[in-house]
């Protein structure tokens, strides 16, 4: 498979994920003042947080795929694994926002983000395995202390 097709599919999935999230923002019915938006602050805050996370993943994914020549089966499955975890972000975002950042929804949100980070690491590793230790990505990542630190925190 060409990398362009996989990249386009991933872009589409992320666009849908963001669309689902924004559709969760409900307009207060028959409430024309700015003060009426105050109860929506937790929902909006969780949306902004998730949007930033997804933007970071989209940007990193874009740069990651610029380093590869082709998409092997391993890369495709690792990419689907990442998209799976990212596709759960709208659910956990909505649950967390609707419940004012209560412990259980917030913990699940954190678990989904952690597993997305693990999936990204797996995708990066699959690309390096497919393209070799002398590939552009392998040289750019190096020992990846920052990546390991990110997973640990």
N, C-alpha and C. Protein backbone atom coordinates (compact mmCIF):
# COMPACT_ATOMS: atom_id res chain seq x y z
N UNK A 1 0.84 -1.17 0.00
CA UNK A 1 0.00 0.00 0.00
C UNK A 1 0.89 1.24 0.00
N UNK A 2 0.43 2.26 -0.68
CA UNK A 2 1.20 3.49 -0.68
C UNK A 2 0.98 4.23 0.64
N UNK A 3 1.97 4.96 1.03
CA UNK A 3 1.86 5.70 2.27
C UNK A 3 0.80 6.79 2.16
N UNK A 4 0.58 7.32 0.95
CA UNK A 4 -0.40 8.39 0.76
C UNK A 4 -1.82 7.93 1.08
N UNK A 5 -2.13 6.70 0.71
CA UNK A 5 -3.47 6.18 0.98
C UNK A 5 -3.69 6.02 2.48
N UNK A 6 -2.69 5.50 3.17
CA UNK A 6 -2.79 5.32 4.62
C UNK A 6 -2.85 6.66 5.33
N UNK A 7 -2.08 7.60 4.85
CA UNK A 7 -2.08 8.95 5.42
C UNK A 7 -3.45 9.61 5.23
N UNK A 8 -4.03 9.48 4.05
CA UNK A 8 -5.34 10.07 3.77
C UNK A 8 -6.42 9.43 4.65
N UNK A 9 -6.37 8.12 4.81
CA UNK A 9 -7.32 7.43 5.67
C UNK A 9 -7.21 7.94 7.11
N UNK A 10 -5.98 8.05 7.59
CA UNK A 10 -5.75 8.53 8.96
C UNK A 10 -6.25 9.95 9.14
N UNK A 11 -5.99 10.80 8.15
CA UNK A 11 -6.49 12.18 8.21
C UNK A 11 -8.01 12.19 8.29
N UNK A 12 -8.65 11.33 7.52
CA UNK A 12 -10.11 11.26 7.53
C UNK A 12 -10.65 10.81 8.88
N UNK A 13 -10.02 9.80 9.46
CA UNK A 13 -10.45 9.32 10.77
C UNK A 13 -10.31 10.43 11.81
N UNK A 14 -9.19 11.11 11.81
CA UNK A 14 -8.99 12.19 12.79
C UNK A 14 -9.98 13.33 12.57
N UNK A 15 -10.30 13.63 11.33
CA UNK A 15 -11.30 14.67 11.05
C UNK A 15 -12.67 14.26 11.60
N UNK A 16 -13.02 13.00 11.45
CA UNK A 16 -14.29 12.51 11.99
C UNK A 16 -14.29 12.54 13.51
N UNK A 17 -13.18 12.16 14.12
CA UNK A 17 -13.06 12.18 15.58
C UNK A 17 -13.29 13.60 16.10
N UNK A 18 -12.67 14.57 15.47
CA UNK A 18 -12.84 15.96 15.91
C UNK A 18 -14.28 16.42 15.67
N UNK A 19 -14.86 16.02 14.56
CA UNK A 19 -16.26 16.39 14.27
C UNK A 19 -17.20 15.81 15.32
N UNK A 20 -16.99 14.56 15.69
CA UNK A 20 -17.82 13.95 16.73
C UNK A 20 -17.69 14.73 18.03
N UNK A 21 -16.49 15.13 18.37
CA UNK A 21 -16.28 15.88 19.61
C UNK A 21 -17.02 17.20 19.59
N UNK A 22 -16.93 17.95 18.50
CA UNK A 22 -17.55 19.27 18.45
C UNK A 22 -19.07 19.15 18.45
N UNK A 23 -19.60 18.06 17.93
CA UNK A 23 -21.05 17.87 17.95
C UNK A 23 -21.58 17.61 19.35
N UNK A 24 -20.69 17.24 20.26
CA UNK A 24 -21.08 17.04 21.66
C UNK A 24 -21.30 18.38 22.38
N UNK A 25 -20.84 19.47 21.80
CA UNK A 25 -21.04 20.78 22.42
C UNK A 25 -22.46 21.24 22.10
N UNK A 26 -23.32 21.18 23.08
CA UNK A 26 -24.73 21.51 22.89
C UNK A 26 -24.96 22.99 23.25
N UNK A 27 -25.70 23.65 22.39
CA UNK A 27 -26.05 25.06 22.60
C UNK A 27 -27.16 25.12 23.64
N UNK A 28 -27.06 26.03 24.63
CA UNK A 28 -28.14 26.16 25.61
C UNK A 28 -29.41 26.67 24.91
N UNK A 29 -30.49 25.92 25.06
CA UNK A 29 -31.74 26.28 24.40
C UNK A 29 -32.37 27.50 25.06
N UNK A 30 -32.78 28.43 24.24
CA UNK A 30 -33.48 29.63 24.71
C UNK A 30 -32.71 30.37 25.79
N UNK A 31 -31.41 30.43 25.63
CA UNK A 31 -30.54 31.11 26.60
C UNK A 31 -29.59 32.04 25.83
N UNK A 32 -29.98 33.29 25.62
CA UNK A 32 -29.21 34.18 24.75
C UNK A 32 -28.07 34.96 25.42
N UNK A 33 -27.80 34.72 26.69
CA UNK A 33 -26.75 35.51 27.35
C UNK A 33 -25.48 34.68 27.51
N UNK A 34 -24.36 35.39 27.62
CA UNK A 34 -23.08 34.71 27.83
C UNK A 34 -23.05 33.96 29.15
N UNK A 35 -23.75 34.48 30.14
CA UNK A 35 -23.80 33.82 31.44
C UNK A 35 -24.40 32.42 31.34
N UNK A 36 -25.26 32.21 30.37
CA UNK A 36 -25.89 30.91 30.19
C UNK A 36 -24.90 29.85 29.70
N UNK A 37 -23.73 30.30 29.25
CA UNK A 37 -22.70 29.36 28.80
C UNK A 37 -21.86 28.80 29.95
N UNK A 38 -21.93 29.44 31.11
CA UNK A 38 -21.10 29.03 32.26
C UNK A 38 -21.22 27.54 32.60
N UNK A 39 -22.43 26.96 32.61
CA UNK A 39 -22.52 25.52 32.93
C UNK A 39 -21.81 24.62 31.89
N UNK A 40 -21.56 25.17 30.71
CA UNK A 40 -20.90 24.39 29.66
C UNK A 40 -19.38 24.43 29.76
N UNK A 41 -18.85 25.19 30.70
CA UNK A 41 -17.40 25.35 30.81
C UNK A 41 -16.65 24.03 30.95
N UNK A 42 -17.08 23.09 31.80
CA UNK A 42 -16.36 21.81 31.86
C UNK A 42 -16.37 21.05 30.53
N UNK A 43 -17.51 21.06 29.84
CA UNK A 43 -17.61 20.37 28.56
C UNK A 43 -16.70 21.04 27.53
N UNK A 44 -16.72 22.36 27.49
CA UNK A 44 -15.88 23.09 26.55
C UNK A 44 -14.40 22.90 26.88
N UNK A 45 -14.07 22.92 28.16
CA UNK A 45 -12.67 22.73 28.58
C UNK A 45 -12.15 21.35 28.17
N UNK A 46 -12.97 20.32 28.35
CA UNK A 46 -12.54 18.98 27.96
C UNK A 46 -12.40 18.89 26.44
N UNK A 47 -13.26 19.61 25.69
CA UNK A 47 -13.15 19.64 24.23
C UNK A 47 -11.83 20.28 23.82
N UNK A 48 -11.49 21.43 24.41
CA UNK A 48 -10.25 22.12 24.07
C UNK A 48 -9.04 21.23 24.36
N UNK A 49 -9.04 20.60 25.53
CA UNK A 49 -7.94 19.71 25.90
C UNK A 49 -7.78 18.58 24.88
N UNK A 50 -8.88 17.95 24.53
CA UNK A 50 -8.82 16.84 23.58
C UNK A 50 -8.46 17.31 22.18
N UNK A 51 -8.95 18.47 21.79
CA UNK A 51 -8.60 19.02 20.48
C UNK A 51 -7.09 19.22 20.38
N UNK A 52 -6.50 19.75 21.45
CA UNK A 52 -5.05 19.97 21.46
C UNK A 52 -4.31 18.64 21.35
N UNK A 53 -4.75 17.63 22.11
CA UNK A 53 -4.12 16.31 22.01
C UNK A 53 -4.20 15.77 20.59
N UNK A 54 -5.39 15.84 19.99
CA UNK A 54 -5.56 15.33 18.63
C UNK A 54 -4.74 16.13 17.62
N UNK A 55 -4.63 17.43 17.82
CA UNK A 55 -3.81 18.25 16.93
C UNK A 55 -2.34 17.83 17.02
N UNK A 56 -1.88 17.55 18.21
CA UNK A 56 -0.50 17.09 18.39
C UNK A 56 -0.30 15.75 17.69
N UNK A 57 -1.23 14.82 17.88
CA UNK A 57 -1.12 13.52 17.20
C UNK A 57 -1.15 13.69 15.70
N UNK A 58 -2.04 14.54 15.19
CA UNK A 58 -2.14 14.73 13.74
C UNK A 58 -0.84 15.30 13.19
N UNK A 59 -0.30 16.32 13.86
CA UNK A 59 0.97 16.91 13.42
C UNK A 59 2.10 15.89 13.45
N UNK A 60 2.22 15.16 14.56
CA UNK A 60 3.29 14.17 14.67
C UNK A 60 3.12 13.06 13.64
N UNK A 61 1.89 12.64 13.42
CA UNK A 61 1.60 11.60 12.43
C UNK A 61 2.01 12.08 11.04
N UNK A 62 1.70 13.32 10.74
CA UNK A 62 2.08 13.93 9.46
C UNK A 62 3.60 13.87 9.25
N UNK A 63 4.33 14.31 10.26
CA UNK A 63 5.80 14.30 10.16
C UNK A 63 6.35 12.88 10.11
N UNK A 64 5.73 11.99 10.87
CA UNK A 64 6.15 10.59 10.90
C UNK A 64 6.03 9.97 9.51
N UNK A 65 4.92 10.22 8.84
CA UNK A 65 4.70 9.61 7.53
C UNK A 65 5.51 10.27 6.42
N UNK A 66 6.05 11.42 6.67
CA UNK A 66 6.95 12.01 5.69
C UNK A 66 8.32 11.35 5.69
N UNK A 67 8.58 10.52 6.70
CA UNK A 67 9.87 9.85 6.77
C UNK A 67 9.86 8.48 6.11
N UNK A 68 8.68 8.00 5.68
CA UNK A 68 8.62 6.63 5.16
C UNK A 68 8.45 6.60 3.64
N UNK A 69 8.84 5.47 3.08
CA UNK A 69 8.74 5.26 1.65
C UNK A 69 7.49 4.46 1.28
N UNK A 70 7.14 3.49 2.12
CA UNK A 70 6.01 2.60 1.85
C UNK A 70 5.39 2.19 3.18
N UNK A 71 4.18 1.64 3.09
CA UNK A 71 3.47 1.18 4.28
C UNK A 71 3.37 -0.34 4.25
N UNK A 72 4.11 -0.99 5.12
CA UNK A 72 4.06 -2.45 5.23
C UNK A 72 2.80 -2.84 6.01
N UNK A 73 2.51 -4.13 6.03
CA UNK A 73 1.36 -4.62 6.81
C UNK A 73 1.51 -4.27 8.29
N UNK A 74 2.73 -4.39 8.80
CA UNK A 74 2.97 -4.04 10.20
C UNK A 74 2.69 -2.58 10.49
N UNK A 75 3.09 -1.71 9.58
CA UNK A 75 2.82 -0.27 9.74
C UNK A 75 1.32 -0.01 9.68
N UNK A 76 0.63 -0.68 8.74
CA UNK A 76 -0.82 -0.46 8.62
C UNK A 76 -1.55 -0.89 9.89
N UNK A 77 -1.19 -2.05 10.46
CA UNK A 77 -1.86 -2.51 11.67
C UNK A 77 -1.49 -1.65 12.88
N UNK A 78 -0.26 -1.22 12.95
CA UNK A 78 0.14 -0.34 14.05
C UNK A 78 -0.60 0.99 13.94
N UNK A 79 -0.79 1.47 12.72
CA UNK A 79 -1.54 2.72 12.51
C UNK A 79 -3.00 2.55 12.92
N UNK A 80 -3.60 1.40 12.57
CA UNK A 80 -4.99 1.14 12.97
C UNK A 80 -5.11 1.07 14.49
N UNK A 81 -4.10 0.50 15.13
CA UNK A 81 -4.08 0.42 16.59
C UNK A 81 -4.10 1.83 17.19
N UNK A 82 -3.29 2.72 16.64
CA UNK A 82 -3.29 4.11 17.10
C UNK A 82 -4.65 4.76 16.86
N UNK A 83 -5.20 4.59 15.67
CA UNK A 83 -6.50 5.21 15.35
C UNK A 83 -7.61 4.68 16.26
N UNK A 84 -7.52 3.42 16.65
CA UNK A 84 -8.51 2.86 17.58
C UNK A 84 -8.53 3.67 18.88
N UNK A 85 -7.36 3.87 19.47
CA UNK A 85 -7.31 4.59 20.75
C UNK A 85 -7.72 6.04 20.57
N UNK A 86 -7.31 6.66 19.47
CA UNK A 86 -7.70 8.04 19.23
C UNK A 86 -9.21 8.16 19.00
N UNK A 87 -9.82 7.12 18.44
CA UNK A 87 -11.26 7.16 18.20
C UNK A 87 -12.07 7.10 19.49
N UNK A 88 -11.46 6.68 20.58
CA UNK A 88 -12.15 6.65 21.87
C UNK A 88 -12.12 8.00 22.59
N UNK A 89 -11.33 8.91 22.10
CA UNK A 89 -11.21 10.21 22.76
C UNK A 89 -12.53 10.97 22.82
N UNK A 90 -13.36 10.98 21.77
CA UNK A 90 -14.64 11.69 21.91
C UNK A 90 -15.52 11.15 23.05
N UNK A 91 -15.56 9.84 23.21
CA UNK A 91 -16.36 9.25 24.28
C UNK A 91 -15.84 9.69 25.66
N UNK A 92 -14.55 9.52 25.87
CA UNK A 92 -14.00 9.86 27.18
C UNK A 92 -14.03 11.36 27.43
N UNK A 93 -13.87 12.15 26.36
CA UNK A 93 -13.96 13.61 26.49
C UNK A 93 -15.34 14.02 26.95
N UNK A 94 -16.37 13.45 26.29
CA UNK A 94 -17.75 13.80 26.64
C UNK A 94 -18.08 13.35 28.06
N UNK A 95 -17.68 12.14 28.42
CA UNK A 95 -17.98 11.63 29.75
C UNK A 95 -17.31 12.48 30.82
N UNK A 96 -16.06 12.82 30.58
CA UNK A 96 -15.31 13.64 31.53
C UNK A 96 -15.93 15.04 31.65
N UNK A 97 -16.23 15.67 30.52
CA UNK A 97 -16.79 17.01 30.53
C UNK A 97 -18.17 17.09 31.14
N UNK A 98 -19.02 16.12 30.82
CA UNK A 98 -20.39 16.10 31.34
C UNK A 98 -20.43 15.84 32.84
N UNK A 99 -19.38 15.28 33.37
CA UNK A 99 -19.35 14.95 34.80
C UNK A 99 -18.36 15.80 35.58
N UNK A 100 -18.02 16.96 35.01
CA UNK A 100 -17.18 17.92 35.74
C UNK A 100 -15.84 17.39 36.18
N UNK A 101 -15.20 16.59 35.33
CA UNK A 101 -13.88 16.04 35.62
C UNK A 101 -13.88 15.15 36.88
N UNK A 102 -14.95 14.39 37.05
CA UNK A 102 -15.04 13.43 38.16
C UNK A 102 -13.91 12.40 38.03
N UNK A 103 -13.52 11.76 39.13
CA UNK A 103 -12.36 10.85 39.10
C UNK A 103 -12.44 9.71 38.09
N UNK A 104 -13.55 8.97 38.02
CA UNK A 104 -13.61 7.81 37.12
C UNK A 104 -13.52 8.21 35.64
N UNK A 105 -14.32 9.18 35.19
CA UNK A 105 -14.18 9.57 33.77
C UNK A 105 -12.81 10.15 33.45
N UNK A 106 -12.25 10.90 34.38
CA UNK A 106 -10.93 11.50 34.14
C UNK A 106 -9.86 10.42 34.10
N UNK A 107 -9.99 9.42 34.96
CA UNK A 107 -9.03 8.31 34.96
C UNK A 107 -9.11 7.54 33.64
N UNK A 108 -10.33 7.27 33.17
CA UNK A 108 -10.47 6.56 31.89
C UNK A 108 -9.90 7.39 30.75
N UNK A 109 -10.12 8.69 30.79
CA UNK A 109 -9.55 9.59 29.79
C UNK A 109 -8.03 9.46 29.78
N UNK A 110 -7.43 9.45 30.96
CA UNK A 110 -5.98 9.29 31.08
C UNK A 110 -5.50 7.95 30.55
N UNK A 111 -6.25 6.88 30.82
CA UNK A 111 -5.88 5.55 30.32
C UNK A 111 -5.91 5.54 28.79
N UNK A 112 -6.95 6.12 28.20
CA UNK A 112 -7.05 6.17 26.73
C UNK A 112 -5.87 6.96 26.15
N UNK A 113 -5.53 8.08 26.78
CA UNK A 113 -4.38 8.86 26.29
C UNK A 113 -3.08 8.08 26.44
N UNK A 114 -2.93 7.36 27.54
CA UNK A 114 -1.73 6.54 27.73
C UNK A 114 -1.64 5.45 26.66
N UNK A 115 -2.75 4.79 26.40
CA UNK A 115 -2.73 3.71 25.40
C UNK A 115 -2.54 4.27 23.99
N UNK A 116 -3.01 5.49 23.73
CA UNK A 116 -2.72 6.13 22.44
C UNK A 116 -1.22 6.41 22.32
N UNK A 117 -0.61 6.83 23.42
CA UNK A 117 0.84 7.09 23.41
C UNK A 117 1.62 5.80 23.17
N UNK A 118 1.18 4.71 23.80
CA UNK A 118 1.82 3.41 23.59
C UNK A 118 1.66 2.99 22.12
N UNK A 119 0.46 3.19 21.58
CA UNK A 119 0.20 2.83 20.18
C UNK A 119 1.06 3.66 19.23
N UNK A 120 1.26 4.92 19.55
CA UNK A 120 2.13 5.77 18.72
C UNK A 120 3.56 5.24 18.74
N UNK A 121 4.01 4.85 19.92
CA UNK A 121 5.35 4.28 20.07
C UNK A 121 5.47 2.99 19.25
N UNK A 122 4.43 2.18 19.27
CA UNK A 122 4.43 0.93 18.49
C UNK A 122 4.49 1.25 17.00
N UNK A 123 3.73 2.25 16.56
CA UNK A 123 3.76 2.66 15.15
C UNK A 123 5.16 3.14 14.76
N UNK A 124 5.73 3.96 15.60
CA UNK A 124 7.09 4.46 15.34
C UNK A 124 8.07 3.29 15.24
N UNK A 125 7.95 2.34 16.14
CA UNK A 125 8.83 1.17 16.13
C UNK A 125 8.62 0.32 14.88
N UNK A 126 7.36 0.18 14.45
CA UNK A 126 7.07 -0.60 13.24
C UNK A 126 7.69 0.06 12.01
N UNK A 127 7.65 1.37 11.97
CA UNK A 127 8.26 2.10 10.85
C UNK A 127 9.77 1.90 10.84
N UNK A 128 10.38 2.02 12.00
CA UNK A 128 11.85 1.83 12.09
C UNK A 128 12.21 0.40 11.72
N UNK A 129 11.41 -0.57 12.19
CA UNK A 129 11.67 -1.98 11.86
C UNK A 129 11.55 -2.21 10.36
N UNK A 130 10.57 -1.57 9.73
CA UNK A 130 10.34 -1.76 8.29
C UNK A 130 11.37 -1.04 7.43
N UNK A 131 11.82 0.13 7.89
CA UNK A 131 12.72 0.96 7.06
C UNK A 131 14.19 0.89 7.49
N UNK A 132 14.46 0.25 8.61
CA UNK A 132 15.84 0.04 9.02
C UNK A 132 16.39 1.06 9.99
N UNK A 133 17.44 0.66 10.66
CA UNK A 133 18.09 1.49 11.68
C UNK A 133 18.79 2.72 11.11
N UNK A 134 19.01 2.73 9.80
CA UNK A 134 19.64 3.89 9.16
C UNK A 134 18.61 4.79 8.49
N UNK A 135 17.34 4.53 8.73
CA UNK A 135 16.28 5.32 8.10
C UNK A 135 16.24 6.73 8.69
N UNK A 136 15.55 7.60 8.00
CA UNK A 136 15.40 8.99 8.45
C UNK A 136 14.79 9.03 9.84
N UNK A 137 13.74 8.24 10.05
CA UNK A 137 13.07 8.23 11.36
C UNK A 137 13.97 7.71 12.45
N UNK A 138 14.67 6.62 12.19
CA UNK A 138 15.56 6.04 13.20
C UNK A 138 16.64 7.04 13.61
N UNK A 139 17.18 7.75 12.63
CA UNK A 139 18.20 8.76 12.95
C UNK A 139 17.58 9.93 13.72
N UNK A 140 16.37 10.33 13.36
CA UNK A 140 15.72 11.46 14.03
C UNK A 140 15.35 11.11 15.47
N UNK A 141 14.90 9.90 15.67
CA UNK A 141 14.47 9.47 17.01
C UNK A 141 15.67 9.21 17.90
N UNK A 142 16.69 8.59 17.36
CA UNK A 142 17.87 8.27 18.16
C UNK A 142 17.50 7.37 19.32
N UNK A 143 17.95 7.72 20.51
CA UNK A 143 17.63 6.92 21.70
C UNK A 143 16.24 7.26 22.23
N UNK A 144 15.70 8.38 21.82
CA UNK A 144 14.34 8.82 22.15
C UNK A 144 14.09 8.91 23.65
N UNK A 145 14.98 9.56 24.34
CA UNK A 145 14.79 9.75 25.78
C UNK A 145 13.51 10.52 26.07
N UNK A 146 13.23 11.53 25.24
CA UNK A 146 12.02 12.34 25.42
C UNK A 146 10.77 11.46 25.26
N UNK A 147 10.76 10.58 24.28
CA UNK A 147 9.62 9.69 24.05
C UNK A 147 9.39 8.75 25.22
N UNK A 148 10.46 8.16 25.72
CA UNK A 148 10.34 7.26 26.87
C UNK A 148 9.88 8.02 28.10
N UNK A 149 10.39 9.24 28.28
CA UNK A 149 9.98 10.05 29.41
C UNK A 149 8.50 10.40 29.31
N UNK A 150 8.03 10.70 28.09
CA UNK A 150 6.61 11.02 27.88
C UNK A 150 5.72 9.85 28.24
N UNK A 151 6.14 8.64 27.88
CA UNK A 151 5.35 7.45 28.21
C UNK A 151 5.30 7.22 29.72
N UNK A 152 6.39 7.53 30.39
CA UNK A 152 6.47 7.28 31.83
C UNK A 152 5.67 8.28 32.65
N UNK A 153 5.43 9.47 32.09
CA UNK A 153 4.70 10.48 32.88
C UNK A 153 3.26 10.60 32.54
